[in-house]
Amino acid sequence: MTVRSAKTPVPSAADQVSRWFVVDATDQVLGRLATRIAGALRGKDLPQFAAHVPTDTHVIVLNAGAVKVTGNKLEDKRYYRHGRQPGTLRSRTLAEQLERDPRMPMEHAVLGMLPGNRLKRVWRNHLHVYAGGEHDHAAQQPKELPHG
């Protein structure tokens, strides 16, 4: 008697459907919003989730400079960068960075929550962050990013 085992369906990139979400970051906490966005980009909300398959999910973030942070993060949180020469370490506070480029803290937070593998480049290209309330993706008919 032979025993047949059921095959586990494994999704492929061809099985993915294109989804577009839009979220308004006004008065939302930066870290909590970044967690929701990172999960949506990876497709963790899909029943056919597989960690090795990139989803065709795009997220548009509007008003990225109007996010809230808790505690004293505006003065205490620092973003570091350095040049190629020794002694060129530079830093900015979150408040300075929001004033200079309001999109960067949101991008930095979301990309920091994604795994550091080859798919990170795909997810980075699917994240569209805007400082203002207008975007160029009306033709894709984005829906509101679901909570949870």
N, C-alpha and C. Protein backbone atom coordinates (compact mmCIF):
# COMPACT_ATOMS: atom_id res chain seq x y z
N MET A 1 0.85 -1.17 0.00
CA MET A 1 0.00 0.00 0.00
C MET A 1 0.90 1.24 0.00
N THR A 2 0.68 2.12 -0.94
CA THR A 2 1.46 3.35 -1.02
C THR A 2 0.69 4.49 -0.36
N VAL A 3 1.43 5.30 0.32
CA VAL A 3 0.83 6.45 1.00
C VAL A 3 1.13 7.69 0.18
N ARG A 4 0.11 8.40 -0.18
CA ARG A 4 0.28 9.64 -0.93
C ARG A 4 0.21 10.81 0.04
N SER A 5 1.17 11.67 -0.08
CA SER A 5 1.16 12.84 0.79
C SER A 5 0.67 14.04 -0.03
N ALA A 6 0.00 14.92 0.66
CA ALA A 6 -0.49 16.13 0.00
C ALA A 6 0.67 17.06 -0.25
N LYS A 7 0.67 17.67 -1.39
CA LYS A 7 1.73 18.62 -1.74
C LYS A 7 1.41 19.99 -1.16
N THR A 8 2.40 20.60 -0.57
CA THR A 8 2.22 21.95 -0.04
C THR A 8 2.36 22.93 -1.18
N PRO A 9 1.36 23.78 -1.39
CA PRO A 9 1.49 24.75 -2.49
C PRO A 9 2.53 25.81 -2.14
N VAL A 10 3.43 26.05 -3.06
CA VAL A 10 4.47 27.05 -2.88
C VAL A 10 4.22 28.16 -3.89
N PRO A 11 3.96 29.38 -3.42
CA PRO A 11 3.68 30.46 -4.37
C PRO A 11 4.94 30.88 -5.12
N SER A 12 4.74 31.36 -6.31
CA SER A 12 5.85 31.89 -7.09
C SER A 12 5.59 33.36 -7.38
N ALA A 13 6.57 34.02 -7.97
CA ALA A 13 6.42 35.44 -8.29
C ALA A 13 5.31 35.67 -9.31
N ALA A 14 5.05 34.67 -10.15
CA ALA A 14 3.99 34.81 -11.16
C ALA A 14 2.60 34.77 -10.53
N ASP A 15 2.49 34.22 -9.34
CA ASP A 15 1.19 34.12 -8.67
C ASP A 15 0.78 35.41 -7.97
N GLN A 16 1.69 36.37 -7.84
CA GLN A 16 1.42 37.58 -7.08
C GLN A 16 0.56 38.55 -7.89
N VAL A 17 -0.37 39.19 -7.20
CA VAL A 17 -1.19 40.22 -7.82
C VAL A 17 -0.70 41.58 -7.36
N SER A 18 -0.86 42.57 -8.20
CA SER A 18 -0.40 43.91 -7.88
C SER A 18 -1.38 44.58 -6.92
N ARG A 19 -0.84 45.09 -5.81
CA ARG A 19 -1.65 45.82 -4.83
C ARG A 19 -0.98 47.15 -4.54
N TRP A 20 -1.78 48.19 -4.45
CA TRP A 20 -1.28 49.52 -4.13
C TRP A 20 -2.04 50.04 -2.91
N PHE A 21 -1.29 50.49 -1.91
CA PHE A 21 -1.88 51.06 -0.71
C PHE A 21 -1.37 52.48 -0.52
N VAL A 22 -2.20 53.31 0.08
CA VAL A 22 -1.80 54.68 0.42
C VAL A 22 -2.08 54.87 1.90
N VAL A 23 -1.19 55.59 2.58
CA VAL A 23 -1.37 55.86 4.00
C VAL A 23 -0.94 57.30 4.26
N ASP A 24 -1.72 58.00 5.08
CA ASP A 24 -1.40 59.36 5.49
C ASP A 24 -0.70 59.29 6.84
N ALA A 25 0.53 59.76 6.90
CA ALA A 25 1.35 59.64 8.10
C ALA A 25 1.11 60.76 9.10
N THR A 26 0.18 61.65 8.83
CA THR A 26 -0.06 62.78 9.72
C THR A 26 -0.49 62.28 11.10
N ASP A 27 0.23 62.72 12.12
CA ASP A 27 -0.04 62.42 13.53
C ASP A 27 -0.07 60.93 13.84
N GLN A 28 0.66 60.12 13.09
CA GLN A 28 0.82 58.71 13.42
C GLN A 28 2.23 58.50 13.97
N VAL A 29 2.37 57.55 14.89
CA VAL A 29 3.66 57.28 15.50
C VAL A 29 4.56 56.60 14.47
N LEU A 30 5.77 57.11 14.33
CA LEU A 30 6.70 56.68 13.29
C LEU A 30 6.96 55.17 13.31
N GLY A 31 7.32 54.63 14.43
CA GLY A 31 7.66 53.21 14.51
C GLY A 31 6.49 52.29 14.26
N ARG A 32 5.34 52.63 14.80
CA ARG A 32 4.16 51.78 14.62
C ARG A 32 3.69 51.79 13.17
N LEU A 33 3.77 52.94 12.53
CA LEU A 33 3.39 53.03 11.12
C LEU A 33 4.40 52.28 10.26
N ALA A 34 5.68 52.40 10.57
CA ALA A 34 6.71 51.69 9.81
C ALA A 34 6.54 50.17 9.92
N THR A 35 6.09 49.69 11.05
CA THR A 35 5.84 48.25 11.22
C THR A 35 4.72 47.79 10.31
N ARG A 36 3.64 48.56 10.25
CA ARG A 36 2.53 48.21 9.36
C ARG A 36 2.96 48.21 7.90
N ILE A 37 3.75 49.20 7.51
CA ILE A 37 4.18 49.32 6.12
C ILE A 37 5.13 48.17 5.76
N ALA A 38 6.07 47.85 6.65
CA ALA A 38 7.02 46.78 6.36
C ALA A 38 6.30 45.43 6.22
N GLY A 39 5.30 45.19 7.06
CA GLY A 39 4.53 43.96 6.94
C GLY A 39 3.75 43.88 5.65
N ALA A 40 3.21 45.01 5.21
CA ALA A 40 2.46 45.01 3.96
C ALA A 40 3.38 44.81 2.76
N LEU A 41 4.57 45.42 2.79
CA LEU A 41 5.52 45.25 1.69
C LEU A 41 5.96 43.80 1.55
N ARG A 42 6.15 43.12 2.67
CA ARG A 42 6.57 41.72 2.63
C ARG A 42 5.42 40.79 2.26
N GLY A 43 4.18 41.24 2.45
CA GLY A 43 3.03 40.40 2.15
C GLY A 43 2.63 39.51 3.29
N LYS A 44 2.96 39.92 4.52
CA LYS A 44 2.66 39.10 5.69
C LYS A 44 1.16 38.96 5.92
N ASP A 45 0.37 39.85 5.32
CA ASP A 45 -1.08 39.79 5.48
C ASP A 45 -1.74 38.87 4.46
N LEU A 46 -0.97 38.33 3.53
CA LEU A 46 -1.53 37.46 2.50
C LEU A 46 -1.55 36.00 2.96
N PRO A 47 -2.58 35.25 2.60
CA PRO A 47 -2.62 33.84 3.02
C PRO A 47 -1.54 33.00 2.33
N GLN A 48 -1.05 33.41 1.17
CA GLN A 48 -0.03 32.66 0.47
C GLN A 48 1.36 33.24 0.72
N PHE A 49 1.61 33.75 1.93
CA PHE A 49 2.89 34.36 2.26
C PHE A 49 4.02 33.33 2.20
N ALA A 50 5.08 33.70 1.55
CA ALA A 50 6.32 32.93 1.55
C ALA A 50 7.46 33.93 1.65
N ALA A 51 8.37 33.69 2.57
CA ALA A 51 9.42 34.66 2.84
C ALA A 51 10.37 34.86 1.67
N HIS A 52 10.47 33.87 0.78
CA HIS A 52 11.43 33.95 -0.32
C HIS A 52 10.83 34.52 -1.60
N VAL A 53 9.54 34.86 -1.59
CA VAL A 53 8.87 35.35 -2.80
C VAL A 53 8.54 36.83 -2.62
N PRO A 54 9.03 37.69 -3.53
CA PRO A 54 8.69 39.11 -3.42
C PRO A 54 7.25 39.35 -3.86
N THR A 55 6.54 40.16 -3.10
CA THR A 55 5.17 40.50 -3.46
C THR A 55 5.17 41.72 -4.36
N ASP A 56 4.10 41.91 -5.07
CA ASP A 56 3.95 43.09 -5.92
C ASP A 56 3.07 44.10 -5.19
N THR A 57 3.42 44.39 -3.94
CA THR A 57 2.69 45.33 -3.12
C THR A 57 3.47 46.63 -3.05
N HIS A 58 2.82 47.73 -3.38
CA HIS A 58 3.42 49.05 -3.31
C HIS A 58 2.71 49.84 -2.22
N VAL A 59 3.47 50.62 -1.45
CA VAL A 59 2.89 51.45 -0.40
C VAL A 59 3.31 52.90 -0.64
N ILE A 60 2.32 53.79 -0.67
CA ILE A 60 2.55 55.22 -0.84
C ILE A 60 2.33 55.89 0.51
N VAL A 61 3.33 56.61 0.99
CA VAL A 61 3.24 57.31 2.27
C VAL A 61 3.17 58.80 2.00
N LEU A 62 2.11 59.44 2.48
CA LEU A 62 1.93 60.88 2.30
C LEU A 62 2.20 61.60 3.61
N ASN A 63 2.61 62.85 3.52
CA ASN A 63 2.88 63.70 4.69
C ASN A 63 3.86 63.05 5.65
N ALA A 64 4.98 62.57 5.12
CA ALA A 64 5.96 61.85 5.93
C ALA A 64 6.59 62.74 7.00
N GLY A 65 6.64 64.03 6.78
CA GLY A 65 7.23 64.93 7.76
C GLY A 65 6.33 65.25 8.93
N ALA A 66 5.08 64.81 8.88
CA ALA A 66 4.13 65.14 9.95
C ALA A 66 3.93 63.98 10.92
N VAL A 67 4.89 63.04 10.98
CA VAL A 67 4.76 61.91 11.90
C VAL A 67 5.04 62.37 13.32
N LYS A 68 4.53 61.59 14.27
CA LYS A 68 4.79 61.85 15.68
C LYS A 68 5.81 60.85 16.17
N VAL A 69 6.52 61.22 17.22
CA VAL A 69 7.39 60.30 17.92
C VAL A 69 7.11 60.46 19.41
N THR A 70 7.35 59.42 20.17
CA THR A 70 7.09 59.47 21.60
C THR A 70 8.36 59.83 22.35
N GLY A 71 8.20 60.30 23.55
CA GLY A 71 9.35 60.63 24.39
C GLY A 71 10.12 61.82 23.86
N ASN A 72 11.43 61.78 24.05
CA ASN A 72 12.32 62.87 23.62
C ASN A 72 13.06 62.52 22.34
N LYS A 73 12.47 61.70 21.49
CA LYS A 73 13.18 61.23 20.30
C LYS A 73 13.54 62.37 19.34
N LEU A 74 12.77 63.44 19.31
CA LEU A 74 13.10 64.54 18.40
C LEU A 74 14.48 65.11 18.71
N GLU A 75 14.88 65.15 19.97
CA GLU A 75 16.18 65.68 20.34
C GLU A 75 17.21 64.58 20.57
N ASP A 76 16.78 63.39 21.01
CA ASP A 76 17.73 62.34 21.40
C ASP A 76 18.11 61.40 20.27
N LYS A 77 17.18 61.10 19.36
CA LYS A 77 17.48 60.16 18.28
C LYS A 77 18.39 60.82 17.26
N ARG A 78 19.45 60.12 16.88
CA ARG A 78 20.43 60.68 15.95
C ARG A 78 20.61 59.75 14.76
N TYR A 79 20.83 60.35 13.59
CA TYR A 79 21.15 59.63 12.37
C TYR A 79 22.61 59.91 12.04
N TYR A 80 23.40 58.84 11.87
CA TYR A 80 24.83 58.98 11.64
C TYR A 80 25.18 58.65 10.20
N ARG A 81 26.20 59.34 9.69
CA ARG A 81 26.75 59.03 8.38
C ARG A 81 28.22 59.42 8.43
N HIS A 82 29.01 58.86 7.52
CA HIS A 82 30.43 59.18 7.51
C HIS A 82 30.94 59.15 6.08
N GLY A 83 32.03 59.86 5.86
CA GLY A 83 32.67 59.88 4.56
C GLY A 83 33.73 58.79 4.49
N ARG A 84 34.56 58.86 3.48
CA ARG A 84 35.58 57.84 3.30
C ARG A 84 36.83 58.10 4.12
N GLN A 85 36.99 59.30 4.62
CA GLN A 85 38.18 59.65 5.37
C GLN A 85 37.94 59.47 6.87
N PRO A 86 38.96 59.13 7.62
CA PRO A 86 38.81 59.03 9.07
C PRO A 86 38.43 60.39 9.67
N GLY A 87 37.60 60.37 10.66
CA GLY A 87 37.20 61.59 11.33
C GLY A 87 36.08 62.33 10.66
N THR A 88 35.37 61.70 9.72
CA THR A 88 34.30 62.40 9.02
C THR A 88 32.92 61.95 9.49
N LEU A 89 32.82 61.48 10.71
CA LEU A 89 31.53 61.07 11.25
C LEU A 89 30.66 62.30 11.48
N ARG A 90 29.45 62.29 10.93
CA ARG A 90 28.50 63.39 11.09
C ARG A 90 27.21 62.82 11.66
N SER A 91 26.48 63.65 12.35
CA SER A 91 25.20 63.18 12.89
C SER A 91 24.19 64.32 12.88
N ARG A 92 22.94 63.93 12.82
CA ARG A 92 21.82 64.87 12.88
C ARG A 92 20.77 64.31 13.82
N THR A 93 20.07 65.19 14.50
CA THR A 93 18.95 64.73 15.32
C THR A 93 17.75 64.48 14.41
N LEU A 94 16.75 63.83 14.95
CA LEU A 94 15.53 63.56 14.18
C LEU A 94 14.86 64.86 13.77
N ALA A 95 14.84 65.86 14.65
CA ALA A 95 14.23 67.14 14.31
C ALA A 95 14.95 67.82 13.15
N GLU A 96 16.29 67.78 13.17
CA GLU A 96 17.06 68.37 12.07
C GLU A 96 16.82 67.61 10.77
N GLN A 97 16.72 66.29 10.86
CA GLN A 97 16.52 65.48 9.66
C GLN A 97 15.13 65.70 9.07
N LEU A 98 14.12 65.83 9.92
CA LEU A 98 12.77 66.10 9.43
C LEU A 98 12.69 67.45 8.75
N GLU A 99 13.46 68.41 9.23
CA GLU A 99 13.47 69.73 8.61
C GLU A 99 14.21 69.70 7.28
N ARG A 100 15.29 68.94 7.21
CA ARG A 100 16.13 68.89 6.01
C ARG A 100 15.51 68.02 4.92
N ASP A 101 15.11 66.79 5.26
CA ASP A 101 14.49 65.87 4.30
C ASP A 101 13.45 65.06 5.05
N PRO A 102 12.17 65.43 5.00
CA PRO A 102 11.15 64.76 5.80
C PRO A 102 10.89 63.32 5.39
N ARG A 103 11.37 62.91 4.22
CA ARG A 103 11.10 61.54 3.78
C ARG A 103 12.07 60.54 4.39
N MET A 104 13.28 60.97 4.71
CA MET A 104 14.33 60.05 5.12
C MET A 104 14.03 59.26 6.39
N PRO A 105 13.52 59.86 7.48
CA PRO A 105 13.24 59.05 8.67
C PRO A 105 12.23 57.93 8.43
N MET A 106 11.21 58.18 7.60
CA MET A 106 10.24 57.13 7.31
C MET A 106 10.88 56.01 6.50
N GLU A 107 11.65 56.36 5.47
CA GLU A 107 12.33 55.34 4.67
C GLU A 107 13.30 54.55 5.52
N HIS A 108 14.04 55.22 6.37
CA HIS A 108 15.02 54.58 7.23
C HIS A 108 14.34 53.61 8.20
N ALA A 109 13.22 54.01 8.77
CA ALA A 109 12.51 53.17 9.72
C ALA A 109 11.93 51.92 9.04
N VAL A 110 11.32 52.10 7.88
CA VAL A 110 10.70 50.96 7.18
C VAL A 110 11.77 50.00 6.69
N LEU A 111 12.82 50.51 6.06
CA LEU A 111 13.85 49.64 5.53
C LEU A 111 14.63 48.94 6.63
N GLY A 112 14.71 49.55 7.80
CA GLY A 112 15.36 48.90 8.93
C GLY A 112 14.57 47.74 9.48
N MET A 113 13.28 47.68 9.19
CA MET A 113 12.43 46.59 9.67
C MET A 113 12.31 45.45 8.66
N LEU A 114 12.95 45.58 7.52
CA LEU A 114 12.92 44.53 6.51
C LEU A 114 14.18 43.68 6.61
N PRO A 115 14.10 42.40 6.26
CA PRO A 115 15.29 41.55 6.30
C PRO A 115 16.37 42.05 5.34
N GLY A 116 17.61 41.86 5.73
CA GLY A 116 18.72 42.32 4.90
C GLY A 116 19.14 41.27 3.89
N ASN A 117 18.27 40.96 2.96
CA ASN A 117 18.59 39.98 1.94
C ASN A 117 18.44 40.61 0.56
N ARG A 118 18.46 39.79 -0.48
CA ARG A 118 18.41 40.32 -1.83
C ARG A 118 17.07 40.98 -2.16
N LEU A 119 16.03 40.62 -1.45
CA LEU A 119 14.71 41.17 -1.73
C LEU A 119 14.55 42.60 -1.20
N LYS A 120 15.47 43.05 -0.37
CA LYS A 120 15.35 44.38 0.21
C LYS A 120 15.34 45.45 -0.88
N ARG A 121 16.08 45.25 -1.96
CA ARG A 121 16.10 46.20 -3.06
C ARG A 121 14.73 46.28 -3.73
N VAL A 122 14.06 45.15 -3.87
CA VAL A 122 12.72 45.13 -4.45
C VAL A 122 11.76 45.90 -3.57
N TRP A 123 11.82 45.64 -2.26
CA TRP A 123 10.91 46.31 -1.33
C TRP A 123 11.19 47.81 -1.28
N ARG A 124 12.46 48.20 -1.37
CA ARG A 124 12.80 49.62 -1.36
C ARG A 124 12.19 50.32 -2.57
N ASN A 125 12.17 49.66 -3.71
CA ASN A 125 11.57 50.25 -4.90
C ASN A 125 10.05 50.28 -4.84
N HIS A 126 9.45 49.50 -3.96
CA HIS A 126 7.99 49.48 -3.83
C HIS A 126 7.50 50.43 -2.76
N LEU A 127 8.40 51.12 -2.08
CA LEU A 127 8.04 52.10 -1.07
C LEU A 127 8.15 53.49 -1.69
N HIS A 128 7.06 54.24 -1.68
CA HIS A 128 7.01 55.57 -2.27
C HIS A 128 6.65 56.56 -1.17
N VAL A 129 7.61 57.38 -0.74
CA VAL A 129 7.41 58.30 0.38
C VAL A 129 7.40 59.72 -0.16
N TYR A 130 6.39 60.49 0.24
CA TYR A 130 6.24 61.88 -0.19
C TYR A 130 6.13 62.78 1.04
N ALA A 131 6.77 63.93 0.98
CA ALA A 131 6.72 64.88 2.09
C ALA A 131 5.37 65.58 2.16
N GLY A 132 4.73 65.77 1.01
CA GLY A 132 3.44 66.46 0.97
C GLY A 132 2.28 65.49 0.86
N GLY A 133 1.12 66.04 0.54
CA GLY A 133 -0.09 65.25 0.48
C GLY A 133 -0.48 64.79 -0.91
N GLU A 134 0.37 65.04 -1.91
CA GLU A 134 0.06 64.67 -3.30
C GLU A 134 1.02 63.56 -3.75
N HIS A 135 0.52 62.68 -4.64
CA HIS A 135 1.37 61.64 -5.21
C HIS A 135 1.03 61.47 -6.68
N ASP A 136 1.92 60.77 -7.40
CA ASP A 136 1.80 60.59 -8.84
C ASP A 136 1.24 59.22 -9.23
N HIS A 137 0.58 58.54 -8.32
CA HIS A 137 0.16 57.16 -8.58
C HIS A 137 -1.35 57.00 -8.57
N ALA A 138 -2.06 58.01 -9.03
CA ALA A 138 -3.52 57.93 -9.06
C ALA A 138 -4.01 56.88 -10.05
N ALA A 139 -3.25 56.62 -11.10
CA ALA A 139 -3.66 55.64 -12.11
C ALA A 139 -3.70 54.23 -11.54
N GLN A 140 -2.94 53.97 -10.48
CA GLN A 140 -2.92 52.63 -9.88
C GLN A 140 -4.09 52.41 -8.93
N GLN A 141 -4.87 53.44 -8.66
CA GLN A 141 -6.03 53.38 -7.77
C GLN A 141 -5.69 52.74 -6.42
N PRO A 142 -4.81 53.40 -5.65
CA PRO A 142 -4.41 52.83 -4.37
C PRO A 142 -5.57 52.85 -3.37
N LYS A 143 -5.57 51.84 -2.50
CA LYS A 143 -6.55 51.75 -1.42
C LYS A 143 -5.88 52.14 -0.12
N GLU A 144 -6.70 52.39 0.87
CA GLU A 144 -6.20 52.73 2.20
C GLU A 144 -5.51 51.52 2.82
N LEU A 145 -4.35 51.72 3.44
CA LEU A 145 -3.64 50.63 4.10
C LEU A 145 -4.44 50.16 5.29
N PRO A 146 -4.78 48.86 5.36
CA PRO A 146 -5.60 48.38 6.48
C PRO A 146 -4.84 48.42 7.80
N HIS A 147 -5.56 48.64 8.88
CA HIS A 147 -4.96 48.63 10.22
C HIS A 147 -4.81 47.19 10.68
N GLY A 148 -3.80 46.98 11.51
CA GLY A 148 -3.65 45.64 12.09
C GLY A 148 -2.60 44.92 11.49
